[in-house]
PDB file of N, CA and C in Angstrom:
ATOM      1  N   MET A   1      -0.484   6.665  26.272  1.00  0.00           N
ATOM      2  CA  MET A   1      -0.098   7.830  25.489  1.00  0.00           C
ATOM      3  C   MET A   1      -0.230   7.504  23.983  1.00  0.00           C
ATOM      4  N   VAL A   2      -0.591   8.540  23.249  1.00  0.00           N
ATOM      5  CA  VAL A   2      -0.774   8.399  21.817  1.00  0.00           C
ATOM      6  C   VAL A   2       0.510   8.956  21.144  1.00  0.00           C
ATOM      7  N   VAL A   3       0.989   8.192  20.182  1.00  0.00           N
ATOM      8  CA  VAL A   3       2.222   8.591  19.464  1.00  0.00           C
ATOM      9  C   VAL A   3       1.986   8.554  17.961  1.00  0.00           C
ATOM     10  N   ILE A   4       2.740   9.393  17.286  1.00  0.00           N
ATOM     11  CA  ILE A   4       2.734   9.392  15.808  1.00  0.00           C
ATOM     12  C   ILE A   4       4.094   8.823  15.430  1.00  0.00           C
ATOM     13  N   ARG A   5       4.078   7.655  14.758  1.00  0.00           N
ATOM     14  CA  ARG A   5       5.296   6.941  14.490  1.00  0.00           C
ATOM     15  C   ARG A   5       5.212   6.217  13.208  1.00  0.00           C
ATOM     16  N   LEU A   6       6.316   5.574  12.792  1.00  0.00           N
ATOM     17  CA  LEU A   6       6.331   4.792  11.561  1.00  0.00           C
ATOM     18  C   LEU A   6       5.965   3.369  11.820  1.00  0.00           C
ATOM     19  N   ALA A   7       5.151   2.785  10.893  1.00  0.00           N
ATOM     20  CA  ALA A   7       4.845   1.368  10.897  1.00  0.00           C
ATOM     21  C   ALA A   7       5.453   0.749   9.614  1.00  0.00           C
ATOM     22  N   ARG A   8       6.260  -0.221   9.780  1.00  0.00           N
ATOM     23  CA  ARG A   8       7.024  -0.774   8.588  1.00  0.00           C
ATOM     24  C   ARG A   8       6.107  -1.709   7.790  1.00  0.00           C
ATOM     25  N   GLY A   9       6.296  -1.595   6.495  1.00  0.00           N
ATOM     26  CA  GLY A   9       5.607  -2.488   5.548  1.00  0.00           C
ATOM     27  C   GLY A   9       6.603  -2.840   4.451  1.00  0.00           C
ATOM     28  N   GLY A  10       6.136  -3.384   3.360  1.00  0.00           N
ATOM     29  CA  GLY A  10       6.998  -3.694   2.248  1.00  0.00           C
ATOM     30  C   GLY A  10       7.643  -5.029   2.401  1.00  0.00           C
ATOM     31  N   ALA A  11       8.467  -5.358   1.492  1.00  0.00           N
ATOM     32  CA  ALA A  11       9.122  -6.662   1.441  1.00  0.00           C
ATOM     33  C   ALA A  11      10.518  -6.633   2.133  1.00  0.00           C
ATOM     34  N   LYS A  12      11.101  -7.789   2.215  1.00  0.00           N
ATOM     35  CA  LYS A  12      12.444  -7.857   2.812  1.00  0.00           C
ATOM     36  C   LYS A  12      13.421  -7.017   1.938  1.00  0.00           C
ATOM     37  N   LYS A  13      14.212  -6.219   2.569  1.00  0.00           N
ATOM     38  CA  LYS A  13      15.206  -5.341   1.919  1.00  0.00           C
ATOM     39  C   LYS A  13      14.564  -4.233   1.041  1.00  0.00           C
ATOM     40  N   ARG A  14      13.229  -4.084   1.109  1.00  0.00           N
ATOM     41  CA  ARG A  14      12.506  -3.034   0.399  1.00  0.00           C
ATOM     42  C   ARG A  14      11.533  -2.385   1.300  1.00  0.00           C
ATOM     43  N   PRO A  15      12.013  -1.556   2.284  1.00  0.00           N
ATOM     44  CA  PRO A  15      11.108  -0.999   3.293  1.00  0.00           C
ATOM     45  C   PRO A  15      10.140   0.028   2.715  1.00  0.00           C
ATOM     46  N   PHE A  16       8.985   0.077   3.374  1.00  0.00           N
ATOM     47  CA  PHE A  16       7.970   1.082   3.078  1.00  0.00           C
ATOM     48  C   PHE A  16       7.319   1.394   4.432  1.00  0.00           C
ATOM     49  N   TYR A  17       7.198   2.663   4.779  1.00  0.00           N
ATOM     50  CA  TYR A  17       6.684   3.007   6.104  1.00  0.00           C
ATOM     51  C   TYR A  17       5.419   3.809   5.989  1.00  0.00           C
ATOM     52  N   ASN A  18       4.416   3.442   6.809  1.00  0.00           N
ATOM     53  CA  ASN A  18       3.253   4.265   6.961  1.00  0.00           C
ATOM     54  C   ASN A  18       3.405   5.124   8.185  1.00  0.00           C
ATOM     55  N   ILE A  19       3.008   6.381   8.109  1.00  0.00           N
ATOM     56  CA  ILE A  19       3.034   7.290   9.251  1.00  0.00           C
ATOM     57  C   ILE A  19       1.660   7.168   9.927  1.00  0.00           C
ATOM     58  N   VAL A  20       1.664   6.647  11.159  1.00  0.00           N
ATOM     59  CA  VAL A  20       0.387   6.339  11.802  1.00  0.00           C
ATOM     60  C   VAL A  20       0.321   6.969  13.214  1.00  0.00           C
ATOM     61  N   VAL A  21      -0.921   7.148  13.623  1.00  0.00           N
ATOM     62  CA  VAL A  21      -1.211   7.514  15.022  1.00  0.00           C
ATOM     63  C   VAL A  21      -1.616   6.238  15.745  1.00  0.00           C
ATOM     64  N   ALA A  22      -0.931   5.927  16.846  1.00  0.00           N
ATOM     65  CA  ALA A  22      -1.213   4.672  17.525  1.00  0.00           C
ATOM     66  C   ALA A  22      -1.007   4.853  19.056  1.00  0.00           C
ATOM     67  N   ASP A  23      -1.606   3.958  19.775  1.00  0.00           N
ATOM     68  CA  ASP A  23      -1.365   3.883  21.236  1.00  0.00           C
ATOM     69  C   ASP A  23       0.070   3.398  21.411  1.00  0.00           C
ATOM     70  N   SER A  24       0.799   3.949  22.337  1.00  0.00           N
ATOM     71  CA  SER A  24       2.200   3.603  22.538  1.00  0.00           C
ATOM     72  C   SER A  24       2.379   2.158  22.971  1.00  0.00           C
ATOM     73  N   ARG A  25       1.339   1.525  23.490  1.00  0.00           N
ATOM     74  CA  ARG A  25       1.443   0.144  23.987  1.00  0.00           C
ATOM     75  C   ARG A  25       1.256  -0.842  22.899  1.00  0.00           C
ATOM     76  N   GLU A  26       0.773  -0.421  21.701  1.00  0.00           N
ATOM     77  CA  GLU A  26       0.593  -1.337  20.607  1.00  0.00           C
ATOM     78  C   GLU A  26       1.925  -1.716  19.949  1.00  0.00           C
ATOM     79  N   ARG A  27       1.946  -2.820  19.275  1.00  0.00           N
ATOM     80  CA  ARG A  27       3.162  -3.224  18.537  1.00  0.00           C
ATOM     81  C   ARG A  27       3.475  -2.235  17.426  1.00  0.00           C
ATOM     82  N   ARG A  28       4.689  -2.259  16.967  1.00  0.00           N
ATOM     83  CA  ARG A  28       5.125  -1.309  15.920  1.00  0.00           C
ATOM     84  C   ARG A  28       4.230  -1.365  14.732  1.00  0.00           C
ATOM     85  N   ASP A  29       3.920  -2.581  14.231  1.00  0.00           N
ATOM     86  CA  ASP A  29       3.138  -2.726  13.014  1.00  0.00           C
ATOM     87  C   ASP A  29       1.712  -3.160  13.310  1.00  0.00           C
ATOM     88  N   GLY A  30       1.335  -2.997  14.580  1.00  0.00           N
ATOM     89  CA  GLY A  30       0.013  -3.452  15.044  1.00  0.00           C
ATOM     90  C   GLY A  30      -1.092  -2.425  14.759  1.00  0.00           C
ATOM     91  N   ARG A  31      -2.109  -2.490  15.568  1.00  0.00           N
ATOM     92  CA  ARG A  31      -3.310  -1.670  15.394  1.00  0.00           C
ATOM     93  C   ARG A  31      -2.983  -0.187  15.558  1.00  0.00           C
ATOM     94  N   PHE A  32      -3.596   0.622  14.714  1.00  0.00           N
ATOM     95  CA  PHE A  32      -3.383   2.092  14.793  1.00  0.00           C
ATOM     96  C   PHE A  32      -4.718   2.771  14.695  1.00  0.00           C
ATOM     97  N   ILE A  33      -4.709   4.074  15.053  1.00  0.00           N
ATOM     98  CA  ILE A  33      -5.929   4.917  15.091  1.00  0.00           C
ATOM     99  C   ILE A  33      -6.199   5.500  13.724  1.00  0.00           C
ATOM    100  N   GLU A  34      -5.169   6.084  13.123  1.00  0.00           N
ATOM    101  CA  GLU A  34      -5.315   6.800  11.849  1.00  0.00           C
ATOM    102  C   GLU A  34      -3.986   6.757  11.083  1.00  0.00           C
ATOM    103  N   ARG A  35      -4.095   6.635   9.756  1.00  0.00           N
ATOM    104  CA  ARG A  35      -2.916   6.726   8.887  1.00  0.00           C
ATOM    105  C   ARG A  35      -2.808   8.131   8.381  1.00  0.00           C
ATOM    106  N   LEU A  36      -1.634   8.772   8.584  1.00  0.00           N
ATOM    107  CA  LEU A  36      -1.433  10.158   8.205  1.00  0.00           C
ATOM    108  C   LEU A  36      -0.628  10.352   6.948  1.00  0.00           C
ATOM    109  N   GLY A  37      -0.006   9.295   6.431  1.00  0.00           N
ATOM    110  CA  GLY A  37       0.789   9.438   5.230  1.00  0.00           C
ATOM    111  C   GLY A  37       1.737   8.238   5.101  1.00  0.00           C
ATOM    112  N   PHE A  38       2.765   8.436   4.274  1.00  0.00           N
ATOM    113  CA  PHE A  38       3.711   7.350   4.080  1.00  0.00           C
ATOM    114  C   PHE A  38       5.081   7.919   3.793  1.00  0.00           C
ATOM    115  N   TYR A  39       6.130   7.044   3.980  1.00  0.00           N
ATOM    116  CA  TYR A  39       7.487   7.408   3.665  1.00  0.00           C
ATOM    117  C   TYR A  39       8.086   6.192   2.926  1.00  0.00           C
ATOM    118  N   ASN A  40       8.565   6.434   1.664  1.00  0.00           N
ATOM    119  CA  ASN A  40       9.173   5.356   0.858  1.00  0.00           C
ATOM    120  C   ASN A  40      10.632   5.729   0.597  1.00  0.00           C
ATOM    121  N   PRO A  41      11.553   5.207   1.453  1.00  0.00           N
ATOM    122  CA  PRO A  41      12.978   5.537   1.270  1.00  0.00           C
ATOM    123  C   PRO A  41      13.572   4.972  -0.014  1.00  0.00           C
ATOM    124  N   MET A  42      12.886   4.032  -0.641  1.00  0.00           N
ATOM    125  CA  MET A  42      13.412   3.400  -1.823  1.00  0.00           C
ATOM    126  C   MET A  42      12.785   3.963  -3.097  1.00  0.00           C
ATOM    127  N   ALA A  43      12.105   5.068  -3.040  1.00  0.00           N
ATOM    128  CA  ALA A  43      11.432   5.655  -4.167  1.00  0.00           C
ATOM    129  C   ALA A  43      12.466   6.008  -5.240  1.00  0.00           C
ATOM    130  N   ALA A  44      12.065   5.701  -6.485  1.00  0.00           N
ATOM    131  CA  ALA A  44      12.945   5.925  -7.644  1.00  0.00           C
ATOM    132  C   ALA A  44      12.106   6.517  -8.777  1.00  0.00           C
ATOM    133  N   GLY A  45      12.715   7.379  -9.533  1.00  0.00           N
ATOM    134  CA  GLY A  45      12.000   7.918 -10.696  1.00  0.00           C
ATOM    135  C   GLY A  45      10.887   8.821 -10.280  1.00  0.00           C
ATOM    136  N   ALA A  46       9.689   8.610 -10.834  1.00  0.00           N
ATOM    137  CA  ALA A  46       8.567   9.492 -10.612  1.00  0.00           C
ATOM    138  C   ALA A  46       7.785   9.152  -9.344  1.00  0.00           C
ATOM    139  N   GLU A  47       8.235   8.121  -8.593  1.00  0.00           N
ATOM    140  CA  GLU A  47       7.529   7.716  -7.392  1.00  0.00           C
ATOM    141  C   GLU A  47       7.683   8.811  -6.327  1.00  0.00           C
ATOM    142  N   GLN A  48       6.657   8.979  -5.509  1.00  0.00           N
ATOM    143  CA  GLN A  48       6.661  10.009  -4.465  1.00  0.00           C
ATOM    144  C   GLN A  48       7.272   9.376  -3.219  1.00  0.00           C
ATOM    145  N   PRO A  49       8.362   9.976  -2.672  1.00  0.00           N
ATOM    146  CA  PRO A  49       9.001   9.396  -1.551  1.00  0.00           C
ATOM    147  C   PRO A  49       8.308   9.690  -0.210  1.00  0.00           C
ATOM    148  N   LEU A  50       7.582  10.770  -0.127  1.00  0.00           N
ATOM    149  CA  LEU A  50       6.992  11.182   1.167  1.00  0.00           C
ATOM    150  C   LEU A  50       5.664  11.914   0.957  1.00  0.00           C
ATOM    151  N   ARG A  51       4.688  11.480   1.723  1.00  0.00           N
ATOM    152  CA  ARG A  51       3.376  12.190   1.733  1.00  0.00           C
ATOM    153  C   ARG A  51       2.892  12.271   3.142  1.00  0.00           C
ATOM    154  N   VAL A  52       2.580  13.477   3.633  1.00  0.00           N
ATOM    155  CA  VAL A  52       2.124  13.667   5.018  1.00  0.00           C
ATOM    156  C   VAL A  52       0.915  14.611   4.992  1.00  0.00           C
ATOM    157  N   ALA A  53      -0.098  14.259   5.743  1.00  0.00           N
ATOM    158  CA  ALA A  53      -1.270  15.127   5.933  1.00  0.00           C
ATOM    159  C   ALA A  53      -0.910  16.073   7.060  1.00  0.00           C
ATOM    160  N   ILE A  54      -0.318  17.244   6.767  1.00  0.00           N
ATOM    161  CA  ILE A  54       0.157  18.164   7.754  1.00  0.00           C
ATOM    162  C   ILE A  54      -0.983  18.622   8.677  1.00  0.00           C
ATOM    163  N   ASP A  55      -2.190  18.829   8.126  1.00  0.00           N
ATOM    164  CA  ASP A  55      -3.282  19.308   8.985  1.00  0.00           C
ATOM    165  C   ASP A  55      -3.653  18.309  10.015  1.00  0.00           C
ATOM    166  N   ARG A  56      -3.595  17.003   9.704  1.00  0.00           N
ATOM    167  CA  ARG A  56      -3.942  15.969  10.668  1.00  0.00           C
ATOM    168  C   ARG A  56      -2.822  15.803  11.690  1.00  0.00           C
ATOM    169  N   VAL A  57      -1.543  15.980  11.273  1.00  0.00           N
ATOM    170  CA  VAL A  57      -0.441  15.937  12.275  1.00  0.00           C
ATOM    171  C   VAL A  57      -0.593  17.077  13.252  1.00  0.00           C
ATOM    172  N   THR A  58      -0.978  18.257  12.742  1.00  0.00           N
ATOM    173  CA  THR A  58      -1.148  19.398  13.635  1.00  0.00           C
ATOM    174  C   THR A  58      -2.280  19.157  14.608  1.00  0.00           C
ATOM    175  N   TYR A  59      -3.367  18.543  14.121  1.00  0.00           N
ATOM    176  CA  TYR A  59      -4.492  18.210  14.992  1.00  0.00           C
ATOM    177  C   TYR A  59      -4.045  17.244  16.116  1.00  0.00           C
ATOM    178  N   TRP A  60      -3.405  16.162  15.727  1.00  0.00           N
ATOM    179  CA  TRP A  60      -3.038  15.182  16.747  1.00  0.00           C
ATOM    180  C   TRP A  60      -2.023  15.715  17.700  1.00  0.00           C
ATOM    181  N   ALA A  61      -1.082  16.493  17.226  1.00  0.00           N
ATOM    182  CA  ALA A  61      -0.130  17.113  18.135  1.00  0.00           C
ATOM    183  C   ALA A  61      -0.824  18.085  19.069  1.00  0.00           C
ATOM    184  N   GLY A  62      -1.881  18.739  18.618  1.00  0.00           N
ATOM    185  CA  GLY A  62      -2.623  19.668  19.434  1.00  0.00           C
ATOM    186  C   GLY A  62      -3.414  18.995  20.542  1.00  0.00           C
ATOM    187  N   VAL A  63      -3.828  17.764  20.348  1.00  0.00           N
ATOM    188  CA  VAL A  63      -4.572  17.058  21.392  1.00  0.00           C
ATOM    189  C   VAL A  63      -3.636  16.148  22.252  1.00  0.00           C
ATOM    190  N   GLY A  64      -2.304  16.333  22.063  1.00  0.00           N
ATOM    191  CA  GLY A  64      -1.366  15.660  22.980  1.00  0.00           C
ATOM    192  C   GLY A  64      -0.555  14.523  22.439  1.00  0.00           C
ATOM    193  N   ALA A  65      -0.675  14.167  21.197  1.00  0.00           N
ATOM    194  CA  ALA A  65       0.119  13.068  20.594  1.00  0.00           C
ATOM    195  C   ALA A  65       1.575  13.508  20.536  1.00  0.00           C
ATOM    196  N   GLN A  66       2.439  12.538  20.811  1.00  0.00           N
ATOM    197  CA  GLN A  66       3.891  12.786  20.761  1.00  0.00           C
ATOM    198  C   GLN A  66       4.428  12.267  19.441  1.00  0.00           C
ATOM    199  N   LEU A  67       5.272  13.073  18.748  1.00  0.00           N
ATOM    200  CA  LEU A  67       5.859  12.650  17.473  1.00  0.00           C
ATOM    201  C   LEU A  67       7.179  11.934  17.799  1.00  0.00           C
ATOM    202  N   SER A  68       7.433  10.810  17.111  1.00  0.00           N
ATOM    203  CA  SER A  68       8.733  10.163  17.242  1.00  0.00           C
ATOM    204  C   SER A  68       9.764  11.066  16.585  1.00  0.00           C
ATOM    205  N   PRO A  69      11.054  10.954  16.967  1.00  0.00           N
ATOM    206  CA  PRO A  69      12.086  11.762  16.358  1.00  0.00           C
ATOM    207  C   PRO A  69      12.122  11.674  14.812  1.00  0.00           C
ATOM    208  N   THR A  70      11.984  10.488  14.281  1.00  0.00           N
ATOM    209  CA  THR A  70      12.048  10.314  12.860  1.00  0.00           C
ATOM    210  C   THR A  70      10.843  10.968  12.173  1.00  0.00           C
ATOM    211  N   VAL A  71       9.643  10.805  12.738  1.00  0.00           N
ATOM    212  CA  VAL A  71       8.481  11.429  12.190  1.00  0.00           C
ATOM    213  C   VAL A  71       8.561  12.941  12.246  1.00  0.00           C
ATOM    214  N   ALA A  72       9.116  13.491  13.339  1.00  0.00           N
ATOM    215  CA  ALA A  72       9.317  14.948  13.440  1.00  0.00           C
ATOM    216  C   ALA A  72      10.185  15.431  12.310  1.00  0.00           C
ATOM    217  N   ARG A  73      11.253  14.706  12.032  1.00  0.00           N
ATOM    218  CA  ARG A  73      12.191  15.082  10.957  1.00  0.00           C
ATOM    219  C   ARG A  73      11.462  15.024   9.602  1.00  0.00           C
ATOM    220  N   LEU A  74      10.689  13.980   9.348  1.00  0.00           N
ATOM    221  CA  LEU A  74       9.964  13.847   8.091  1.00  0.00           C
ATOM    222  C   LEU A  74       8.884  14.932   7.930  1.00  0.00           C
ATOM    223  N   VAL A  75       8.202  15.313   9.018  1.00  0.00           N
ATOM    224  CA  VAL A  75       7.178  16.370   8.973  1.00  0.00           C
ATOM    225  C   VAL A  75       7.833  17.684   8.638  1.00  0.00           C
ATOM    226  N   ASP A  76       8.983  17.987   9.249  1.00  0.00           N
ATOM    227  CA  ASP A  76       9.716  19.217   8.904  1.00  0.00           C
ATOM    228  C   ASP A  76      10.127  19.218   7.444  1.00  0.00           C
ATOM    229  N   GLN A  77      10.586  18.079   6.950  1.00  0.00           N
ATOM    230  CA  GLN A  77      10.960  17.960   5.545  1.00  0.00           C
ATOM    231  C   GLN A  77       9.772  18.207   4.637  1.00  0.00           C
ATOM    232  N   ALA A  78       8.584  17.661   4.995  1.00  0.00           N
ATOM    233  CA  ALA A  78       7.398  17.847   4.179  1.00  0.00           C
ATOM    234  C   ALA A  78       6.937  19.289   4.210  1.00  0.00           C
ATOM    235  N   LYS A  79       7.046  19.981   5.343  1.00  0.00           N
ATOM    236  CA  LYS A  79       6.636  21.372   5.453  1.00  0.00           C
ATOM    237  C   LYS A  79       7.524  22.238   4.562  1.00  0.00           C
ATOM    238  N   LYS A  80       8.812  21.944   4.544  1.00  0.00           N
ATOM    239  CA  LYS A  80       9.703  22.741   3.714  1.00  0.00           C
ATOM    240  C   LYS A  80       9.416  22.551   2.215  1.00  0.00           C
ATOM    241  N   ALA A  81       9.040  21.321   1.831  1.00  0.00           N
ATOM    242  CA  ALA A  81       8.753  21.015   0.435  1.00  0.00           C
ATOM    243  C   ALA A  81       7.431  21.644  -0.049  1.00  0.00           C
ATOM    244  N   ALA A  82       6.511  21.842   0.911  1.00  0.00           N
ATOM    245  CA  ALA A  82       5.184  22.386   0.579  1.00  0.00           C
ATOM    246  C   ALA A  82       5.160  23.913   0.459  1.00  0.00           C
TER     247      ALA A  82
END
């Protein structure tokens, strides 16, 4: 199964997440098919906290990819902001 989920990056105590399309059997931060955006919960000042390619999320959901609950919440948040 193909899933759209978060892959963690960044340093210790400074998380940064990439929103990726990956096979569900791959590790959390392992190989992925496509990067759809990012989420930076530590964004401050002029930094952008969230960027999502809504058109690509719609495409992948249309061909059967499952969104994780957190990614679904972030995509809804991005749609409201756009």
